[in-house]
Amino acid sequence: MNETNEQVLPSRPYRGSIPVVKEFDERHGKNSIIVGGFRTYEDGARRDADFDMGPIIEPPEDDFERLSLRVKYWQTLVDEAVEVFEETKHNFISAAKGASDWGHSPPNETEAVKRLEELKAFIEGRRKRLEAVQSELEATEGFQRRKTRVAMTAENRGRAHEFANSIRQVQI
């Protein structure tokens, strides 16, 4: 089962209504999702989610920027799949409680467990894709610069705190 299997989760069949948008959709793939008001594609391309005449943005050339968008894409897909899993599990538990309360026969346990196992495998596939893209992102120069900057900022804050404490210790 692959991570775009439309039988596991609902499909997103929307395609742009004007030729340039249809061509953009075809070029960047059929599995776009909404991320931050943009219809986002697996390759990092984006376009306005609500308006076909809105911005159409090709994937960034910069590896860090493109891979950051791809991480958001896959994280959104993982989050969506986890939400479907949790909702499905909750529905099965609610159905069992209702059956218990009313003395009815519970849902088919084998089918329920099978469905949850399918969703679990689907989530694991998406997580693997997310982890692969995250690894690519972490290998970029832009990520390494950010990591260094964050470490330097934390070190500077610690030194500033120590400095302030030393100054507070000086009394008249």
Protein backbone atom coordinates (compact mmCIF):
# COMPACT_ATOMS: atom_id res chain seq x y z
CA MET A 1 0.00 0.00 0.00
CA ASN A 2 1.57 3.33 -0.99
CA GLU A 3 1.18 6.65 0.76
CA THR A 4 -1.16 8.06 -1.89
CA ASN A 5 -3.56 5.12 -1.93
CA GLU A 6 -6.95 6.77 -2.36
CA GLN A 7 -8.74 3.71 -0.97
CA VAL A 8 -7.27 4.34 2.48
CA LEU A 9 -8.18 8.02 2.79
CA PRO A 10 -10.61 10.20 0.82
CA SER A 11 -9.30 11.61 -2.45
CA ARG A 12 -8.85 15.26 -3.37
CA PRO A 13 -10.10 15.32 -6.97
CA TYR A 14 -10.18 19.11 -7.44
CA ARG A 15 -8.37 20.39 -10.52
CA GLY A 16 -8.06 23.97 -11.66
CA SER A 17 -10.68 25.24 -14.04
CA ILE A 18 -8.51 27.34 -16.36
CA PRO A 19 -5.93 25.82 -18.74
CA VAL A 20 -2.82 27.26 -17.08
CA VAL A 21 -3.92 25.92 -13.69
CA LYS A 22 -4.91 22.53 -15.13
CA GLU A 23 -1.48 22.28 -16.76
CA PHE A 24 0.20 23.29 -13.47
CA ASP A 25 -1.81 20.63 -11.59
CA GLU A 26 -0.85 17.95 -14.11
CA ARG A 27 2.82 18.94 -14.07
CA HIS A 28 3.11 18.82 -10.27
CA GLY A 29 0.99 15.76 -9.52
CA LYS A 30 -2.51 14.83 -8.56
CA ASN A 31 -2.06 14.70 -4.79
CA SER A 32 -2.11 18.31 -3.71
CA ILE A 33 -3.21 19.28 -0.21
CA ILE A 34 -4.07 22.54 1.51
CA VAL A 35 -1.22 23.92 3.64
CA GLY A 36 -1.43 27.48 4.95
CA GLY A 37 -3.95 28.68 2.37
CA PHE A 38 -2.07 27.19 -0.56
CA ARG A 39 -2.73 24.06 -2.58
CA THR A 40 0.68 22.42 -2.05
CA TYR A 41 2.21 19.63 -4.10
CA GLU A 42 4.70 16.96 -3.08
CA ASP A 43 7.50 18.63 -5.06
CA GLY A 44 7.09 21.98 -3.24
CA ALA A 45 5.00 23.74 -5.89
CA ARG A 46 2.10 25.83 -4.59
CA ARG A 47 -0.88 27.78 -5.80
CA ASP A 48 -3.77 29.64 -4.23
CA ALA A 49 -6.15 27.17 -2.61
CA ASP A 50 -9.35 29.10 -3.29
CA PHE A 51 -8.85 31.13 -6.43
CA ASP A 52 -7.60 29.80 -9.77
CA MET A 53 -6.42 33.28 -10.76
CA GLY A 54 -4.26 33.52 -7.62
CA PRO A 55 -0.52 32.99 -7.43
CA ILE A 56 1.05 29.96 -9.07
CA ILE A 57 4.45 29.22 -7.53
CA GLU A 58 6.94 26.72 -8.91
CA PRO A 59 9.03 24.75 -6.37
CA PRO A 60 11.83 26.91 -4.94
CA GLU A 61 15.26 26.31 -6.43
CA ASP A 62 16.87 26.63 -3.00
CA ASP A 63 17.12 23.13 -1.48
CA PHE A 64 16.40 24.34 2.06
CA GLU A 65 13.24 26.22 1.03
CA ARG A 66 11.96 23.44 -1.25
CA LEU A 67 12.61 20.69 1.27
CA SER A 68 11.02 22.75 4.05
CA LEU A 69 7.83 22.90 1.97
CA ARG A 70 8.05 19.19 1.30
CA VAL A 71 8.42 18.49 5.04
CA LYS A 72 5.27 20.57 5.68
CA TYR A 73 3.49 18.62 2.93
CA TRP A 74 4.37 15.23 4.41
CA GLN A 75 3.79 16.35 8.02
CA THR A 76 0.30 17.49 7.00
CA LEU A 77 -0.35 14.11 5.36
CA VAL A 78 0.87 12.26 8.47
CA ASP A 79 -1.28 14.46 10.73
CA GLU A 80 -4.31 13.88 8.50
CA ALA A 81 -3.82 10.11 8.53
CA VAL A 82 -3.37 10.03 12.32
CA GLU A 83 -6.58 12.03 12.68
CA VAL A 84 -8.45 9.52 10.49
CA PHE A 85 -6.99 6.64 12.53
CA GLU A 86 -8.02 8.22 15.85
CA GLU A 87 -11.49 9.06 14.56
CA THR A 88 -11.98 5.56 13.18
CA LYS A 89 -10.82 3.99 16.45
CA HIS A 90 -13.12 6.30 18.44
CA ASN A 91 -16.05 5.36 16.17
CA PHE A 92 -15.42 1.64 16.70
CA ILE A 93 -15.22 2.11 20.47
CA SER A 94 -18.42 4.22 20.44
CA ALA A 95 -20.19 1.58 18.36
CA ALA A 96 -19.13 -1.10 20.85
CA LYS A 97 -20.33 0.99 23.78
CA GLY A 98 -23.64 1.63 22.05
CA ALA A 99 -24.02 -2.07 21.33
CA SER A 100 -23.25 -2.85 24.96
CA ASP A 101 -25.69 -0.22 26.26
CA TRP A 102 -28.52 -1.42 24.04
CA GLY A 103 -27.71 -5.12 24.10
CA HIS A 104 -26.97 -5.26 20.39
CA SER A 105 -24.33 -7.22 18.62
CA PRO A 106 -20.98 -5.32 18.47
CA PRO A 107 -19.24 -4.43 15.19
CA ASN A 108 -17.19 -7.14 13.49
CA GLU A 109 -13.98 -7.18 15.52
CA THR A 110 -11.87 -8.76 12.77
CA GLU A 111 -12.90 -6.12 10.23
CA ALA A 112 -12.40 -3.29 12.74
CA VAL A 113 -8.91 -4.46 13.70
CA LYS A 114 -8.06 -5.02 10.02
CA ARG A 115 -9.15 -1.46 9.17
CA LEU A 116 -7.09 0.00 12.03
CA GLU A 117 -4.06 -2.08 10.99
CA GLU A 118 -4.44 -0.80 7.40
CA LEU A 119 -4.52 2.77 8.65
CA LYS A 120 -1.54 2.12 10.92
CA ALA A 121 0.50 0.74 8.00
CA PHE A 122 -0.57 3.70 5.88
CA ILE A 123 0.59 6.12 8.59
CA GLU A 124 3.91 4.29 8.90
CA GLY A 125 4.44 4.65 5.14
CA ARG A 126 3.77 8.36 5.33
CA ARG A 127 6.07 8.73 8.33
CA LYS A 128 8.87 7.01 6.43
CA ARG A 129 8.44 9.45 3.56
CA LEU A 130 8.41 12.36 6.04
CA GLU A 131 11.58 11.08 7.72
CA ALA A 132 13.31 10.70 4.34
CA VAL A 133 12.47 14.29 3.37
CA GLN A 134 13.49 15.53 6.84
CA SER A 135 16.86 13.79 6.42
CA GLU A 136 17.34 15.50 3.06
CA LEU A 137 16.44 18.84 4.66
CA GLU A 138 18.86 18.32 7.56
CA ALA A 139 21.67 17.70 5.06
CA THR A 140 21.24 21.10 3.39
CA GLU A 141 23.59 23.99 3.98
CA GLY A 142 20.64 26.20 4.91
CA PHE A 143 19.57 23.82 7.67
CA GLN A 144 23.11 23.60 9.01
CA ARG A 145 23.38 27.42 9.07
CA ARG A 146 20.09 27.64 10.98
CA LYS A 147 21.21 24.96 13.40
CA THR A 148 24.44 26.87 14.04
CA ARG A 149 22.56 30.15 14.45
CA VAL A 150 20.13 28.59 16.95
CA ALA A 151 23.03 27.13 18.94
CA MET A 152 24.84 30.47 18.95
CA THR A 153 21.68 32.28 20.05
CA ALA A 154 21.19 29.84 22.93
CA GLU A 155 24.84 30.23 23.95
CA ASN A 156 24.59 34.04 23.82
CA ARG A 157 21.44 33.99 25.93
CA GLY A 158 23.17 31.82 28.52
CA ARG A 159 26.18 34.12 28.63
CA ALA A 160 23.91 37.20 28.92
CA HIS A 161 22.07 35.54 31.82
CA GLU A 162 25.37 34.74 33.56
CA PHE A 163 26.52 38.31 32.97
CA ALA A 164 23.33 39.74 34.49
CA ASN A 165 23.67 37.44 37.51
CA SER A 166 27.30 38.52 38.02
CA ILE A 167 26.32 42.18 37.89
CA ARG A 168 23.47 41.62 40.35
CA GLN A 169 26.00 40.18 42.82
CA VAL A 170 27.95 43.45 43.00
CA GLN A 171 26.61 45.31 46.02
CA ILE A 172 27.42 48.62 47.66
